[in-house]
Every structure is written in structure tokens, then in C-alpha cells.
C-alpha atoms as a PDB file:
ATOM      1  CA  UNK A   1     140.042 116.118 159.353  1.00  0.00           C
ATOM      2  CA  UNK A   2     138.768 115.078 155.947  1.00  0.00           C
ATOM      3  CA  UNK A   3     141.254 112.216 155.599  1.00  0.00           C
ATOM      4  CA  UNK A   4     140.610 110.797 159.096  1.00  0.00           C
ATOM      5  CA  UNK A   5     137.779 108.280 159.372  1.00  0.00           C
ATOM      6  CA  UNK A   6     136.567 107.057 162.785  1.00  0.00           C
ATOM      7  CA  UNK A   7     134.378 103.949 162.697  1.00  0.00           C
ATOM      8  CA  UNK A   8     130.810 104.384 163.916  1.00  0.00           C
ATOM      9  CA  UNK A   9     129.266 100.929 163.867  1.00  0.00           C
ATOM     10  CA  UNK A  10     127.551  98.976 166.672  1.00  0.00           C
ATOM     11  CA  UNK A  11     129.595  95.826 166.031  1.00  0.00           C
ATOM     12  CA  UNK A  12     132.859  97.749 166.212  1.00  0.00           C
ATOM     13  CA  UNK A  13     131.759  99.517 169.408  1.00  0.00           C
ATOM     14  CA  UNK A  14     130.780  96.222 171.035  1.00  0.00           C
ATOM     15  CA  UNK A  15     133.991  94.423 170.101  1.00  0.00           C
ATOM     16  CA  UNK A  16     136.076  97.393 171.249  1.00  0.00           C
ATOM     17  CA  UNK A  17     134.405  97.283 174.661  1.00  0.00           C
ATOM     18  CA  UNK A  18     135.417  93.644 175.129  1.00  0.00           C
ATOM     19  CA  UNK A  19     138.891  94.286 173.667  1.00  0.00           C
ATOM     20  CA  UNK A  20     139.598  97.042 176.200  1.00  0.00           C
ATOM     21  CA  UNK A  21     138.607  94.931 179.224  1.00  0.00           C
ATOM     22  CA  UNK A  22     141.706  94.074 181.276  1.00  0.00           C
ATOM     23  CA  UNK A  23     140.270  90.608 181.992  1.00  0.00           C
ATOM     24  CA  UNK A  24     139.840  89.618 178.326  1.00  0.00           C
ATOM     25  CA  UNK A  25     141.936  86.501 177.626  1.00  0.00           C
ATOM     26  CA  UNK A  26     144.821  86.399 175.155  1.00  0.00           C
ATOM     27  CA  UNK A  27     142.830  84.104 172.862  1.00  0.00           C
ATOM     28  CA  UNK A  28     139.778  86.349 172.821  1.00  0.00           C
ATOM     29  CA  UNK A  29     141.871  89.506 172.511  1.00  0.00           C
ATOM     30  CA  UNK A  30     143.664  88.091 169.474  1.00  0.00           C
ATOM     31  CA  UNK A  31     140.375  87.087 167.867  1.00  0.00           C
ATOM     32  CA  UNK A  32     138.816  90.489 168.506  1.00  0.00           C
ATOM     33  CA  UNK A  33     141.763  92.360 166.980  1.00  0.00           C
ATOM     34  CA  UNK A  34     141.333  90.285 163.837  1.00  0.00           C
ATOM     35  CA  UNK A  35     137.555  90.730 163.747  1.00  0.00           C
ATOM     36  CA  UNK A  36     137.770  94.507 164.188  1.00  0.00           C
ATOM     37  CA  UNK A  37     140.445  94.699 161.495  1.00  0.00           C
ATOM     38  CA  UNK A  38     138.131  92.872 159.106  1.00  0.00           C
ATOM     39  CA  UNK A  39     135.285  95.283 159.782  1.00  0.00           C
ATOM     40  CA  UNK A  40     137.649  98.226 159.302  1.00  0.00           C
ATOM     41  CA  UNK A  41     138.959  96.787 156.035  1.00  0.00           C
ATOM     42  CA  UNK A  42     135.435  96.931 154.616  1.00  0.00           C
ATOM     43  CA  UNK A  43     135.444 100.716 155.092  1.00  0.00           C
ATOM     44  CA  UNK A  44     139.096 101.316 154.225  1.00  0.00           C
ATOM     45  CA  UNK A  45     138.664  99.671 150.804  1.00  0.00           C
ATOM     46  CA  UNK A  46     135.435 101.519 149.983  1.00  0.00           C
ATOM     47  CA  UNK A  47     137.079 103.852 147.457  1.00  0.00           C
ATOM     48  CA  UNK A  48     139.069 101.277 145.506  1.00  0.00           C
ATOM     49  CA  UNK A  49     138.280 101.727 141.790  1.00  0.00           C
ATOM     50  CA  UNK A  50     136.198  99.113 139.980  1.00  0.00           C
ATOM     51  CA  UNK A  51     135.377  98.253 136.368  1.00  0.00           C
ATOM     52  CA  UNK A  52     132.249  96.743 134.886  1.00  0.00           C
ATOM     53  CA  UNK A  53     132.499  93.179 133.578  1.00  0.00           C
ATOM     54  CA  UNK A  54     130.075  90.699 132.079  1.00  0.00           C
ATOM     55  CA  UNK A  55     129.655  87.472 134.054  1.00  0.00           C
ATOM     56  CA  UNK A  56     127.721  84.468 132.810  1.00  0.00           C
ATOM     57  CA  UNK A  57     125.555  82.985 135.559  1.00  0.00           C
ATOM     58  CA  UNK A  58     123.709  79.642 135.284  1.00  0.00           C
ATOM     59  CA  UNK A  59     120.644  81.554 134.008  1.00  0.00           C
ATOM     60  CA  UNK A  60     121.991  84.524 132.042  1.00  0.00           C
ATOM     61  CA  UNK A  61     124.483  87.369 131.762  1.00  0.00           C
ATOM     62  CA  UNK A  62     125.057  89.765 134.659  1.00  0.00           C
ATOM     63  CA  UNK A  63     126.683  93.174 134.748  1.00  0.00           C
ATOM     64  CA  UNK A  64     129.159  93.037 137.682  1.00  0.00           C
ATOM     65  CA  UNK A  65     131.969  95.136 139.075  1.00  0.00           C
ATOM     66  CA  UNK A  66     135.461  93.933 139.906  1.00  0.00           C
ATOM     67  CA  UNK A  67     138.552  95.711 141.232  1.00  0.00           C
ATOM     68  CA  UNK A  68     140.145  97.789 138.489  1.00  0.00           C
ATOM     69  CA  UNK A  69     143.501  96.045 138.445  1.00  0.00           C
ATOM     70  CA  UNK A  70     144.866  97.959 141.433  1.00  0.00           C
ATOM     71  CA  UNK A  71     147.579  95.942 143.122  1.00  0.00           C
ATOM     72  CA  UNK A  72     147.349  95.938 146.918  1.00  0.00           C
ATOM     73  CA  UNK A  73     149.812  95.351 149.741  1.00  0.00           C
ATOM     74  CA  UNK A  74     149.445  94.946 153.495  1.00  0.00           C
ATOM     75  CA  UNK A  75     152.303  96.148 155.687  1.00  0.00           C
ATOM     76  CA  UNK A  76     152.033  95.487 159.440  1.00  0.00           C
ATOM     77  CA  UNK A  77     154.217  97.422 161.839  1.00  0.00           C
ATOM     78  CA  UNK A  78     155.838  94.678 163.922  1.00  0.00           C
ATOM     79  CA  UNK A  79     154.971  93.181 166.134  1.00  0.00           C
ATOM     80  CA  UNK A  80     151.417  94.098 167.101  1.00  0.00           C
ATOM     81  CA  UNK A  81     150.409  94.822 163.501  1.00  0.00           C
ATOM     82  CA  UNK A  82     150.653  91.091 162.768  1.00  0.00           C
ATOM     83  CA  UNK A  83     147.403  90.644 164.690  1.00  0.00           C
ATOM     84  CA  UNK A  84     145.497  92.533 161.977  1.00  0.00           C
ATOM     85  CA  UNK A  85     146.986  90.869 158.884  1.00  0.00           C
ATOM     86  CA  UNK A  86     145.015  87.616 158.594  1.00  0.00           C
ATOM     87  CA  UNK A  87     141.642  89.366 158.542  1.00  0.00           C
ATOM     88  CA  UNK A  88     142.765  91.612 155.686  1.00  0.00           C
ATOM     89  CA  UNK A  89     144.256  88.697 153.740  1.00  0.00           C
ATOM     90  CA  UNK A  90     140.970  86.806 154.086  1.00  0.00           C
ATOM     91  CA  UNK A  91     139.249  89.695 152.296  1.00  0.00           C
ATOM     92  CA  UNK A  92     142.091  90.519 149.874  1.00  0.00           C
ATOM     93  CA  UNK A  93     143.824  87.171 149.254  1.00  0.00           C
ATOM     94  CA  UNK A  94     145.869  88.467 146.304  1.00  0.00           C
ATOM     95  CA  UNK A  95     147.539  91.214 148.361  1.00  0.00           C
ATOM     96  CA  UNK A  96     151.281  90.974 148.951  1.00  0.00           C
ATOM     97  CA  UNK A  97     152.613  91.402 152.480  1.00  0.00           C
ATOM     98  CA  UNK A  98     155.582  93.441 153.672  1.00  0.00           C
ATOM     99  CA  UNK A  99     156.908  93.947 157.188  1.00  0.00           C
ATOM    100  CA  UNK A 100     158.361  96.930 159.000  1.00  0.00           C
ATOM    101  CA  UNK A 101     159.915  96.295 162.407  1.00  0.00           C
ATOM    102  CA  UNK A 102     159.981  99.205 164.837  1.00  0.00           C
ATOM    103  CA  UNK A 103     160.251  99.453 168.599  1.00  0.00           C
ATOM    104  CA  UNK A 104     159.788 102.458 170.834  1.00  0.00           C
ATOM    105  CA  UNK A 105     162.826 103.568 172.803  1.00  0.00           C
ATOM    106  CA  UNK A 106     161.657 103.464 176.445  1.00  0.00           C
ATOM    107  CA  UNK A 107     163.424 106.722 177.287  1.00  0.00           C
ATOM    108  CA  UNK A 108     162.925 108.894 174.201  1.00  0.00           C
ATOM    109  CA  UNK A 109     159.641 107.236 173.087  1.00  0.00           C
ATOM    110  CA  UNK A 110     160.940 107.561 169.518  1.00  0.00           C
ATOM    111  CA  UNK A 111     160.803 104.682 166.990  1.00  0.00           C
ATOM    112  CA  UNK A 112     163.891 102.595 166.228  1.00  0.00           C
ATOM    113  CA  UNK A 113     163.908 100.478 163.048  1.00  0.00           C
ATOM    114  CA  UNK A 114     165.167  96.911 163.287  1.00  0.00           C
ATOM    115  CA  UNK A 115     163.612  95.249 160.208  1.00  0.00           C
ATOM    116  CA  UNK A 116     162.169  96.236 156.828  1.00  0.00           C
ATOM    117  CA  UNK A 117     161.205  93.758 154.081  1.00  0.00           C
ATOM    118  CA  UNK A 118     158.846  94.876 151.318  1.00  0.00           C
ATOM    119  CA  UNK A 119     157.582  93.428 148.004  1.00  0.00           C
ATOM    120  CA  UNK A 120     159.798  94.512 145.089  1.00  0.00           C
ATOM    121  CA  UNK A 121     156.897  96.252 143.353  1.00  0.00           C
ATOM    122  CA  UNK A 122     155.587  97.965 146.517  1.00  0.00           C
ATOM    123  CA  UNK A 123     155.756 101.358 144.790  1.00  0.00           C
ATOM    124  CA  UNK A 124     153.055 100.286 142.323  1.00  0.00           C
ATOM    125  CA  UNK A 125     150.623  99.121 144.997  1.00  0.00           C
ATOM    126  CA  UNK A 126     147.973 100.629 147.231  1.00  0.00           C
ATOM    127  CA  UNK A 127     149.512  99.987 150.657  1.00  0.00           C
ATOM    128  CA  UNK A 128     147.552  99.378 153.853  1.00  0.00           C
ATOM    129  CA  UNK A 129     149.754 100.015 156.894  1.00  0.00           C
ATOM    130  CA  UNK A 130     148.306  98.289 159.963  1.00  0.00           C
ATOM    131  CA  UNK A 131     149.048  98.688 163.667  1.00  0.00           C
ATOM    132  CA  UNK A 132     146.494  98.334 166.483  1.00  0.00           C
ATOM    133  CA  UNK A 133     147.659 101.462 168.345  1.00  0.00           C
ATOM    134  CA  UNK A 134     148.430 104.987 167.154  1.00  0.00           C
ATOM    135  CA  UNK A 135     150.006 106.631 170.215  1.00  0.00           C
ATOM    136  CA  UNK A 136     152.691 109.261 169.608  1.00  0.00           C
ATOM    137  CA  UNK A 137     152.471 108.604 165.878  1.00  0.00           C
ATOM    138  CA  UNK A 138     156.250 108.162 165.685  1.00  0.00           C
ATOM    139  CA  UNK A 139     156.161 104.583 164.430  1.00  0.00           C
ATOM    140  CA  UNK A 140     153.425 105.352 161.899  1.00  0.00           C
ATOM    141  CA  UNK A 141     155.313 108.355 160.527  1.00  0.00           C
ATOM    142  CA  UNK A 142     158.553 106.356 160.317  1.00  0.00           C
ATOM    143  CA  UNK A 143     156.820 103.448 158.546  1.00  0.00           C
ATOM    144  CA  UNK A 144     155.219 105.788 156.014  1.00  0.00           C
ATOM    145  CA  UNK A 145     158.601 107.484 155.511  1.00  0.00           C
ATOM    146  CA  UNK A 146     160.134 104.097 154.620  1.00  0.00           C
ATOM    147  CA  UNK A 147     157.307 103.301 152.204  1.00  0.00           C
ATOM    148  CA  UNK A 148     157.596 106.619 150.418  1.00  0.00           C
ATOM    149  CA  UNK A 149     161.345 106.088 150.127  1.00  0.00           C
ATOM    150  CA  UNK A 150     160.433 102.902 148.230  1.00  0.00           C
ATOM    151  CA  UNK A 151     158.203 104.854 145.845  1.00  0.00           C
ATOM    152  CA  UNK A 152     154.802 104.323 147.472  1.00  0.00           C
ATOM    153  CA  UNK A 153     152.299 107.024 146.542  1.00  0.00           C
ATOM    154  CA  UNK A 154     148.975 105.568 147.706  1.00  0.00           C
ATOM    155  CA  UNK A 155     149.073 104.711 151.429  1.00  0.00           C
ATOM    156  CA  UNK A 156     146.232 103.981 153.845  1.00  0.00           C
ATOM    157  CA  UNK A 157     146.831 103.824 157.626  1.00  0.00           C
ATOM    158  CA  UNK A 158     144.653 101.509 159.743  1.00  0.00           C
ATOM    159  CA  UNK A 159     144.681 101.624 163.565  1.00  0.00           C
ATOM    160  CA  UNK A 160     142.196 100.192 166.037  1.00  0.00           C
ATOM    161  CA  UNK A 161     142.750 102.860 168.707  1.00  0.00           C
ATOM    162  CA  UNK A 162     144.396 106.244 168.289  1.00  0.00           C
ATOM    163  CA  UNK A 163     144.602 109.557 170.094  1.00  0.00           C
ATOM    164  CA  UNK A 164     144.696 113.219 169.015  1.00  0.00           C
ATOM    165  CA  UNK A 165     148.489 113.448 169.408  1.00  0.00           C
ATOM    166  CA  UNK A 166     149.127 110.505 167.097  1.00  0.00           C
ATOM    167  CA  UNK A 167     146.604 111.595 164.498  1.00  0.00           C
ATOM    168  CA  UNK A 168     148.076 115.089 164.445  1.00  0.00           C
ATOM    169  CA  UNK A 169     151.618 113.741 164.034  1.00  0.00           C
ATOM    170  CA  UNK A 170     150.679 111.617 161.007  1.00  0.00           C
ATOM    171  CA  UNK A 171     148.619 114.393 159.441  1.00  0.00           C
ATOM    172  CA  UNK A 172     151.438 116.894 159.855  1.00  0.00           C
ATOM    173  CA  UNK A 173     154.096 114.605 158.368  1.00  0.00           C
ATOM    174  CA  UNK A 174     151.930 112.898 155.735  1.00  0.00           C
ATOM    175  CA  UNK A 175     148.753 114.874 154.952  1.00  0.00           C
ATOM    176  CA  UNK A 176     148.152 112.737 151.848  1.00  0.00           C
ATOM    177  CA  UNK A 177     147.637 109.506 153.835  1.00  0.00           C
ATOM    178  CA  UNK A 178     144.073 108.348 154.503  1.00  0.00           C
ATOM    179  CA  UNK A 179     143.600 107.222 158.112  1.00  0.00           C
ATOM    180  CA  UNK A 180     141.020 104.752 159.460  1.00  0.00           C
ATOM    181  CA  UNK A 181     140.539 104.188 163.193  1.00  0.00           C
ATOM    182  CA  UNK A 182     138.012 102.204 165.200  1.00  0.00           C
ATOM    183  CA  UNK A 183     138.246 104.759 168.038  1.00  0.00           C
ATOM    184  CA  UNK A 184     140.019 107.981 168.989  1.00  0.00           C
ATOM    185  CA  UNK A 185     140.744 108.132 172.733  1.00  0.00           C
ATOM    186  CA  UNK A 186     141.381 111.064 175.054  1.00  0.00           C
ATOM    187  CA  UNK A 187     145.144 111.532 175.233  1.00  0.00           C
ATOM    188  CA  UNK A 188     148.580 110.116 175.991  1.00  0.00           C
ATOM    189  CA  UNK A 189     149.832 109.722 179.551  1.00  0.00           C
ATOM    190  CA  UNK A 190     153.347 110.517 180.777  1.00  0.00           C
ATOM    191  CA  UNK A 191     154.533 107.090 179.580  1.00  0.00           C
ATOM    192  CA  UNK A 192     153.166 107.711 176.062  1.00  0.00           C
ATOM    193  CA  UNK A 193     150.366 105.172 176.522  1.00  0.00           C
ATOM    194  CA  UNK A 194     146.909 105.917 175.165  1.00  0.00           C
ATOM    195  CA  UNK A 195     144.311 106.727 177.838  1.00  0.00           C
ATOM    196  CA  UNK A 196     142.011 104.880 178.407  1.00  0.00           C
ATOM    197  CA  UNK A 197     143.341 102.669 175.610  1.00  0.00           C
ATOM    198  CA  UNK A 198     143.821  98.965 176.265  1.00  0.00           C
ATOM    199  CA  UNK A 199     147.397  98.644 177.486  1.00  0.00           C
ATOM    200  CA  UNK A 200     150.176  97.189 175.337  1.00  0.00           C
ATOM    201  CA  UNK A 201     148.528  95.611 172.296  1.00  0.00           C
ATOM    202  CA  UNK A 202     151.561  93.480 171.421  1.00  0.00           C
ATOM    203  CA  UNK A 203     151.766  91.998 174.896  1.00  0.00           C
ATOM    204  CA  UNK A 204     148.047  91.264 174.924  1.00  0.00           C
ATOM    205  CA  UNK A 205     148.047  89.694 171.441  1.00  0.00           C
ATOM    206  CA  UNK A 206     151.050  87.449 172.092  1.00  0.00           C
ATOM    207  CA  UNK A 207     150.556  86.816 175.809  1.00  0.00           C
ATOM    208  CA  UNK A 208     153.837  88.396 176.859  1.00  0.00           C
ATOM    209  CA  UNK A 209     152.527  90.850 179.467  1.00  0.00           C
END
């Protein structure tokens, strides 16, 4: 799985442990989602191209590297993906933000689109699709489908927790998409929830459980 990257960092492991705890408060859960997303963003942007520039410091000239003009976009899958956006914007303040609204049909477990609003030049940008959970992979595949229909060619998927079924679904449908996860759990249960997972991320972020 060359294009699948699972985080292996003590800070991520620690924050995940607290995030999973059923007794973690809404406030702390929301903060942890953002913090983990920020740590993941550091890795997910590792391969962005840079160029060398000369910068004048107070005491001389320095050879530095800046991003090589690549335009970036962040696209959360609503609604839980919103919990990861602020941390990425803090690190990439010039990124544009799109939104894709999907919900999972409770009977078929398949994604249903209800909203899609993207920057006009989304096709020229490196796009980071964010959603805390990668369960069946249906929503991720659908979101990437929409982006490719809008001309996107460079897409990165970021999930906090995934499972083998979801990873396989995305890889099968979109083998060109780089995937970054903080953890890969055991499996899906009969209700298409990740086990052991952390429950419904949207409910826990917004306090609607």
C-alpha cells in the first residue's frame, strides 16, 4: 500500500487514545480532532514542491525554500470534516475551501449527496479531502468522484481513523489518491461502524449524540 500512510508518532497515539474514550467531552473531542488534523497535515504536505529564494535577514542574505506556487484547497466532507478544517487553515492560510455534503443512507449505507460547493479553479489546485472517519469508503469515493468531475488531478485524502474495508474501496476506485490516516482499525461491524473506532465523529464533534 505505497500510497497509504499511517501515522506513527507518540503525540498522535496519545491524542487518539483520549479521542476514542467514550467519556471525553464534546469540547475536548473537538479540540483533539483539530490537533490531530494539524499533526497529520505536517506529514500530508511533506511532498509539496518548493523553490529556493533569497531572503534578506537583519544580518545578511539567507538561502530559503518556499512553496513552488502550487495552489492548495481544503475540502471537508460534511459535516464531520468541518472539525479538521481550522487546523489545516492555520498551517495553510492561503488555501481555498470547498464543501461536499454527503450522508449515509441508514439502510443501504451508501452515500447520498446533498451539497457541493467548490472554488472555481479547484481543478488547478492540490486538494486535501478531510473526514475524520473512513468506514465503508463510500463517501470518500463519491467525494473524489465529484472532484475529478471538476478537473482535479492531484488529490490527497486525510482521515483520522480508517479500516481495511474503507482503504480498499478508495484504492480500488482511485489508486492515484494519496491517503493519510492517524490509525487503521480492525473492521466494520454490521452497522458499518468502525471497530473499535470512536463512535459517530459528527455527533461527538457537534454534541448531537
